[in-house]
PDB file of all heavy atoms in Angstrom:
ATOM      1  N   ALA A   1       0.901  -1.177  -0.060  1.00  0.00           N
ATOM      2  CA  ALA A   1      -0.108   0.022   0.020  1.00  0.00           C
ATOM      3  C   ALA A   1       0.858   1.284   0.036  1.00  0.00           C
ATOM      4  O   ALA A   1       0.552   2.302  -0.648  1.00  0.00           O
ATOM      5  CB  ALA A   1      -0.958  -0.037   1.245  1.00  0.00           C
ATOM      6  N   THR A   2       1.977   1.244   0.740  1.00  0.00           N
ATOM      7  CA  THR A   2       2.904   2.331   0.776  1.00  0.00           C
ATOM      8  C   THR A   2       3.504   2.597  -0.520  1.00  0.00           C
ATOM      9  O   THR A   2       3.585   3.832  -1.033  1.00  0.00           O
ATOM     10  CB  THR A   2       3.885   2.263   1.813  1.00  0.00           C
ATOM     11  OG1 THR A   2       3.278   2.019   3.162  1.00  0.00           O
ATOM     12  CG2 THR A   2       4.886   3.429   2.009  1.00  0.00           C
ATOM     13  N   VAL A   3       3.999   1.583  -1.226  1.00  0.00           N
ATOM     14  CA  VAL A   3       4.583   1.727  -2.494  1.00  0.00           C
ATOM     15  C   VAL A   3       3.464   2.182  -3.439  1.00  0.00           C
ATOM     16  O   VAL A   3       3.755   3.025  -4.439  1.00  0.00           O
ATOM     17  CB  VAL A   3       5.165   0.371  -2.935  1.00  0.00           C
ATOM     18  CG1 VAL A   3       5.739   0.456  -4.421  1.00  0.00           C
ATOM     19  CG2 VAL A   3       6.347   0.058  -2.036  1.00  0.00           C
ATOM     20  N   ALA A   4       2.335   1.602  -3.401  1.00  0.00           N
ATOM     21  CA  ALA A   4       1.198   2.002  -4.338  1.00  0.00           C
ATOM     22  C   ALA A   4       0.945   3.533  -4.145  1.00  0.00           C
ATOM     23  O   ALA A   4       0.582   4.290  -5.087  1.00  0.00           O
ATOM     24  CB  ALA A   4      -0.022   1.188  -4.061  1.00  0.00           C
ATOM     25  N   ASP A   5       0.919   4.020  -2.892  1.00  0.00           N
ATOM     26  CA  ASP A   5       0.696   5.445  -2.600  1.00  0.00           C
ATOM     27  C   ASP A   5       1.655   6.267  -3.412  1.00  0.00           C
ATOM     28  O   ASP A   5       1.355   7.280  -3.990  1.00  0.00           O
ATOM     29  CB  ASP A   5       0.801   5.697  -1.103  1.00  0.00           C
ATOM     30  CG  ASP A   5      -0.429   5.429  -0.339  1.00  0.00           C
ATOM     31  OD1 ASP A   5      -1.518   5.382  -0.911  1.00  0.00           O
ATOM     32  OD2 ASP A   5      -0.407   5.299   0.829  1.00  0.00           O
ATOM     33  N   LEU A   6       2.950   5.862  -3.301  1.00  0.00           N
ATOM     34  CA  LEU A   6       4.044   6.585  -3.947  1.00  0.00           C
ATOM     35  C   LEU A   6       3.783   6.725  -5.470  1.00  0.00           C
ATOM     36  O   LEU A   6       3.970   7.698  -6.134  1.00  0.00           O
ATOM     37  CB  LEU A   6       5.370   6.001  -3.639  1.00  0.00           C
ATOM     38  CG  LEU A   6       5.928   6.299  -2.306  1.00  0.00           C
ATOM     39  CD1 LEU A   6       7.130   5.514  -1.970  1.00  0.00           C
ATOM     40  CD2 LEU A   6       6.180   7.778  -2.033  1.00  0.00           C
ATOM     41  N   TRP A   7       3.445   5.464  -6.008  1.00  0.00           N
ATOM     42  CA  TRP A   7       3.340   5.323  -7.498  1.00  0.00           C
ATOM     43  C   TRP A   7       2.060   6.189  -7.924  1.00  0.00           C
ATOM     44  O   TRP A   7       2.114   6.917  -8.861  1.00  0.00           O
ATOM     45  CB  TRP A   7       2.999   3.885  -7.887  1.00  0.00           C
ATOM     46  CG  TRP A   7       2.694   3.699  -9.297  1.00  0.00           C
ATOM     47  CD1 TRP A   7       1.504   3.695  -9.986  1.00  0.00           C
ATOM     48  CD2 TRP A   7       3.582   3.342 -10.275  1.00  0.00           C
ATOM     49  NE1 TRP A   7       1.685   3.455 -11.300  1.00  0.00           N
ATOM     50  CE2 TRP A   7       2.965   3.281 -11.570  1.00  0.00           C
ATOM     51  CE3 TRP A   7       5.074   3.182 -10.428  1.00  0.00           C
ATOM     52  CZ2 TRP A   7       3.643   2.969 -12.817  1.00  0.00           C
ATOM     53  CZ3 TRP A   7       5.647   2.875 -11.638  1.00  0.00           C
ATOM     54  CH2 TRP A   7       4.960   2.761 -12.786  1.00  0.00           C
ATOM     55  N   LEU A   8       0.976   6.073  -7.288  1.00  0.00           N
ATOM     56  CA  LEU A   8      -0.278   6.725  -7.665  1.00  0.00           C
ATOM     57  C   LEU A   8      -0.192   8.261  -7.410  1.00  0.00           C
ATOM     58  O   LEU A   8      -0.966   8.984  -8.178  1.00  0.00           O
ATOM     59  CB  LEU A   8      -1.429   6.230  -6.782  1.00  0.00           C
ATOM     60  CG  LEU A   8      -1.874   4.736  -7.059  1.00  0.00           C
ATOM     61  CD1 LEU A   8      -2.887   4.269  -6.113  1.00  0.00           C
ATOM     62  CD2 LEU A   8      -2.437   4.594  -8.510  1.00  0.00           C
ATOM     63  N   GLN A   9       0.686   8.593  -6.578  1.00  0.00           N
ATOM     64  CA  GLN A   9       0.728  10.165  -6.369  1.00  0.00           C
ATOM     65  C   GLN A   9       1.242  10.947  -7.563  1.00  0.00           C
ATOM     66  O   GLN A   9       0.903  12.067  -7.821  1.00  0.00           O
ATOM     67  CB  GLN A   9       1.672  10.342  -5.222  1.00  0.00           C
ATOM     68  CG  GLN A   9       1.716  11.896  -4.682  1.00  0.00           C
ATOM     69  CD  GLN A   9       0.468  12.346  -4.040  1.00  0.00           C
ATOM     70  OE1 GLN A   9      -0.455  11.552  -3.792  1.00  0.00           O
ATOM     71  NE2 GLN A   9       0.357  13.630  -3.734  1.00  0.00           N
ATOM     72  N   VAL A  10       1.911  10.235  -8.464  1.00  0.00           N
ATOM     73  CA  VAL A  10       2.369  10.825  -9.584  1.00  0.00           C
ATOM     74  C   VAL A  10       1.306  11.257 -10.606  1.00  0.00           C
ATOM     75  O   VAL A  10       1.092  12.486 -10.961  1.00  0.00           O
ATOM     76  CB  VAL A  10       3.442   9.948 -10.436  1.00  0.00           C
ATOM     77  CG1 VAL A  10       3.859  10.654 -11.678  1.00  0.00           C
ATOM     78  CG2 VAL A  10       4.637   9.709  -9.485  1.00  0.00           C
ATOM     79  N   PRO A  11       0.393  10.226 -10.992  1.00  0.00           N
ATOM     80  CA  PRO A  11      -0.681  10.675 -11.908  1.00  0.00           C
ATOM     81  C   PRO A  11      -1.726  11.482 -11.226  1.00  0.00           C
ATOM     82  O   PRO A  11      -2.460  12.282 -11.689  1.00  0.00           O
ATOM     83  CB  PRO A  11      -1.283   9.384 -12.417  1.00  0.00           C
ATOM     84  CG  PRO A  11      -0.864   8.277 -11.457  1.00  0.00           C
ATOM     85  CD  PRO A  11       0.485   8.817 -10.878  1.00  0.00           C
ATOM     86  N   TYR A  12      -1.900  11.283  -9.813  1.00  0.00           N
ATOM     87  CA  TYR A  12      -2.905  11.988  -9.064  1.00  0.00           C
ATOM     88  C   TYR A  12      -2.616  13.430  -9.027  1.00  0.00           C
ATOM     89  O   TYR A  12      -3.458  14.340  -9.143  1.00  0.00           O
ATOM     90  CB  TYR A  12      -2.900  11.392  -7.629  1.00  0.00           C
ATOM     91  CG  TYR A  12      -3.947  12.120  -6.640  1.00  0.00           C
ATOM     92  CD1 TYR A  12      -5.262  12.061  -6.927  1.00  0.00           C
ATOM     93  CD2 TYR A  12      -3.432  12.857  -5.553  1.00  0.00           C
ATOM     94  CE1 TYR A  12      -6.147  12.722  -6.078  1.00  0.00           C
ATOM     95  CE2 TYR A  12      -4.304  13.431  -4.785  1.00  0.00           C
ATOM     96  CZ  TYR A  12      -5.691  13.452  -5.020  1.00  0.00           C
ATOM     97  OH  TYR A  12      -6.561  14.082  -4.111  1.00  0.00           O
ATOM     98  N   THR A  13      -1.338  13.749  -8.832  1.00  0.00           N
ATOM     99  CA  THR A  13      -0.973  15.215  -8.805  1.00  0.00           C
ATOM    100  C   THR A  13      -0.735  15.798 -10.207  1.00  0.00           C
ATOM    101  O   THR A  13      -1.037  16.961 -10.415  1.00  0.00           O
ATOM    102  CB  THR A  13       0.269  15.443  -7.906  1.00  0.00           C
ATOM    103  OG1 THR A  13       1.344  14.642  -8.412  1.00  0.00           O
ATOM    104  CG2 THR A  13       0.052  15.078  -6.498  1.00  0.00           C
ATOM    105  N   ALA A  14      -0.126  15.005 -11.141  1.00  0.00           N
ATOM    106  CA  ALA A  14       0.246  15.598 -12.391  1.00  0.00           C
ATOM    107  C   ALA A  14      -0.826  15.399 -13.444  1.00  0.00           C
ATOM    108  O   ALA A  14      -0.801  16.076 -14.581  1.00  0.00           O
ATOM    109  CB  ALA A  14       1.533  14.912 -12.902  1.00  0.00           C
ATOM    110  N   GLY A  15      -1.904  14.483 -13.104  1.00  0.00           N
ATOM    111  CA  GLY A  15      -2.808  14.235 -14.139  1.00  0.00           C
ATOM    112  C   GLY A  15      -2.495  12.997 -15.004  1.00  0.00           C
ATOM    113  O   GLY A  15      -1.229  12.782 -15.191  1.00  0.00           O
ATOM    114  N   GLY A  16      -3.431  12.246 -15.534  1.00  0.00           N
ATOM    115  CA  GLY A  16      -3.225  11.135 -16.280  1.00  0.00           C
ATOM    116  C   GLY A  16      -3.719   9.872 -15.642  1.00  0.00           C
ATOM    117  O   GLY A  16      -4.263   9.865 -14.622  1.00  0.00           O
ATOM    118  N   GLY A  17      -3.402   8.775 -16.389  1.00  0.00           N
ATOM    119  CA  GLY A  17      -3.806   7.448 -15.960  1.00  0.00           C
ATOM    120  C   GLY A  17      -2.983   6.698 -15.096  1.00  0.00           C
ATOM    121  O   GLY A  17      -1.930   7.192 -14.649  1.00  0.00           O
ATOM    122  N   LEU A  18      -3.354   5.459 -14.749  1.00  0.00           N
ATOM    123  CA  LEU A  18      -2.576   4.704 -13.771  1.00  0.00           C
ATOM    124  C   LEU A  18      -1.129   4.435 -14.147  1.00  0.00           C
ATOM    125  O   LEU A  18      -0.222   4.451 -13.278  1.00  0.00           O
ATOM    126  CB  LEU A  18      -3.247   3.321 -13.619  1.00  0.00           C
ATOM    127  CG  LEU A  18      -4.543   3.186 -12.799  1.00  0.00           C
ATOM    128  CD1 LEU A  18      -5.050   1.822 -12.911  1.00  0.00           C
ATOM    129  CD2 LEU A  18      -4.249   3.599 -11.322  1.00  0.00           C
ATOM    130  N   PHE A  19      -0.832   4.440 -15.422  1.00  0.00           N
ATOM    131  CA  PHE A  19       0.557   4.094 -15.870  1.00  0.00           C
ATOM    132  C   PHE A  19       1.203   5.358 -16.543  1.00  0.00           C
ATOM    133  O   PHE A  19       2.212   5.122 -17.170  1.00  0.00           O
ATOM    134  CB  PHE A  19       0.530   2.912 -16.894  1.00  0.00           C
ATOM    135  CG  PHE A  19      -0.103   1.626 -16.278  1.00  0.00           C
ATOM    136  CD1 PHE A  19      -1.388   1.299 -16.558  1.00  0.00           C
ATOM    137  CD2 PHE A  19       0.627   0.886 -15.331  1.00  0.00           C
ATOM    138  CE1 PHE A  19      -2.011   0.206 -16.053  1.00  0.00           C
ATOM    139  CE2 PHE A  19       0.117  -0.252 -14.757  1.00  0.00           C
ATOM    140  CZ  PHE A  19      -1.211  -0.634 -15.135  1.00  0.00           C
ATOM    141  N   ASP A  20       0.646   6.449 -16.295  1.00  0.00           N
ATOM    142  CA  ASP A  20       1.278   7.710 -16.796  1.00  0.00           C
ATOM    143  C   ASP A  20       2.252   8.173 -15.822  1.00  0.00           C
ATOM    144  O   ASP A  20       2.113   9.291 -15.187  1.00  0.00           O
ATOM    145  CB  ASP A  20       0.255   8.811 -17.069  1.00  0.00           C
ATOM    146  CG  ASP A  20      -0.599   8.404 -18.304  1.00  0.00           C
ATOM    147  OD1 ASP A  20      -0.121   7.680 -19.152  1.00  0.00           O
ATOM    148  OD2 ASP A  20      -1.908   8.871 -18.313  1.00  0.00           O
ATOM    149  N   VAL A  21       3.326   7.393 -15.571  1.00  0.00           N
ATOM    150  CA  VAL A  21       4.246   7.761 -14.480  1.00  0.00           C
ATOM    151  C   VAL A  21       5.691   7.670 -15.182  1.00  0.00           C
ATOM    152  O   VAL A  21       6.143   6.843 -15.874  1.00  0.00           O
ATOM    153  CB  VAL A  21       4.350   6.613 -13.405  1.00  0.00           C
ATOM    154  CG1 VAL A  21       5.471   6.869 -12.387  1.00  0.00           C
ATOM    155  CG2 VAL A  21       3.020   6.497 -12.739  1.00  0.00           C
ATOM    156  N   THR A  22       6.314   8.918 -15.053  1.00  0.00           N
ATOM    157  CA  THR A  22       7.627   9.095 -15.577  1.00  0.00           C
ATOM    158  C   THR A  22       8.704   9.143 -14.489  1.00  0.00           C
ATOM    159  O   THR A  22       8.317   9.401 -13.371  1.00  0.00           O
ATOM    160  CB  THR A  22       7.739  10.385 -16.410  1.00  0.00           C
ATOM    161  OG1 THR A  22       7.390  11.432 -15.541  1.00  0.00           O
ATOM    162  CG2 THR A  22       6.639  10.449 -17.518  1.00  0.00           C
ATOM    163  N   GLY A  23       9.948   9.071 -14.821  1.00  0.00           N
ATOM    164  CA  GLY A  23      11.084   9.104 -13.889  1.00  0.00           C
ATOM    165  C   GLY A  23      11.068  10.455 -13.236  1.00  0.00           C
ATOM    166  O   GLY A  23      11.245  10.614 -11.981  1.00  0.00           O
ATOM    167  N   ALA A  24      10.852  11.540 -14.051  1.00  0.00           N
ATOM    168  CA  ALA A  24      10.945  12.849 -13.536  1.00  0.00           C
ATOM    169  C   ALA A  24       9.734  13.037 -12.545  1.00  0.00           C
ATOM    170  O   ALA A  24       9.921  13.684 -11.521  1.00  0.00           O
ATOM    171  CB  ALA A  24      10.772  13.891 -14.627  1.00  0.00           C
TER     172      ALA A  24
END
């Protein structure tokens, strides 16, 4: 759950879908 929180925070704050996660 903690790792998922970190992953999901990227599209949650920047916008986009579940896998719209970039290194930056």
